[in-house]
Amino acid sequence: MTVKEKLREIFASYPDEWFNGNNLAQKLDVSRNAVWKAVQELKDENVNIQSNGKLGYSSPVDSDVFSSILMQKNLRTKELGKKIIFYPVIESTNTTAKQLAEEGASHGTVIIADCQKGGRGRLGKTFHSPAGTGIYMSVILRPDFSTELSNLLTACTAVSTEKSLCQFCKKNIKIKWVNDLFISNKKVCGILTEASISCESRSINYAIIGIGVNVRNTKENFPDELQSIVTSLEEEGSEKINRCVLAAEILNNLEIELSHISDRKFLDEYREHSNLIGNEVTIVDGMGNEIKGTAVGIDNNASLLVKMNDGQVKTISSGTVQAEPA
């Protein structure tokens, strides 16, 4: 671990505390100049570190410094997150995760960033990812279940993340089929699941689960055109959230729910928190067809059931909801 990484962990673990430069140098067994250089590197990565000639260095509690080591300290998982790769700035965690998966990265490897320059959503959409305001995380899976069950990964992740957010936010969190979480009818989280399938063996080479959560400051950091449709946990009344703790909790719950892929137990909660069931919807399916009707349920493959005006019920396995529920 580099001096910079060690300092990042210290500032993340002990916010608002002051650390004398000489004491840090002794603690890390490096020169005072090495400490100074590492502090400058962290500042270059937009980590808020205050300097005082007498007191030394400190990072305010509201800086919420991200540290993969602090994140791992909050994990209760057996596999997920045992290897965490942190980037101050990245193009896309999902893109990097796919590259690493192709190179043989192990099951459970997590890529997480403080900022994404090209965060991706479903169907080519972008996911706005400013520094210091959210969780932008991708998990590499090498599952041993069939390709038929891969369609359930997004729903499984949605339930895992909803459970985690509920631990920090008292407001009702809803799931918008198929991959978004909403609070007060505004988006607070998006999920992007991608997979590499072997056509010969009909097995999954790897799957990538991308999770983006708005934690704070959407009003200050999001463009005007998104202001009316996005929100964050803290803007919805959550107390100050440590992103390391929340990211770890998402992984803790995700590992539990992934163990229920085959028995589909998580689908009950997915249905319970759906914001579509019972409402009139307009959906563009995976073939580009527009479907209008009433959302009447979620089947055991996480497909949406829509009742048409003629009484016919259509099963939609992929698509985009074009009209919000009433």
Foldseek 3Di string as FASTA:
>chain_A
DALLLVVLVVQLVDAPAFDALVNSCVVVVHDSVSNVVSVVVVVVLVQDWDQDPVRGIHGHPLSLRDHLVLLVVLAPDDAASPAEAEDSEEQAQQVVLVVVLVVPDDARYKYWYQFHNFYAAPPGDGDHGDGSFKTKMKGKHQDPDAPLLLLCLQLLLVLLLLVLLVVFAVFQWADEPPFFIDGPQATFKGKDKDFDADPVVRGTSMMMIIIMGGADDCVPRPDPVRVVHHDHRVRNPGDDDNNSNSVSSSRNSSVVSVVCSPVLPSVVVNFVRHQQAQFWWWKQAPVRDIDTAGFHTADSSRWTWGQHPVRDIDTGSGTDTPDGGD
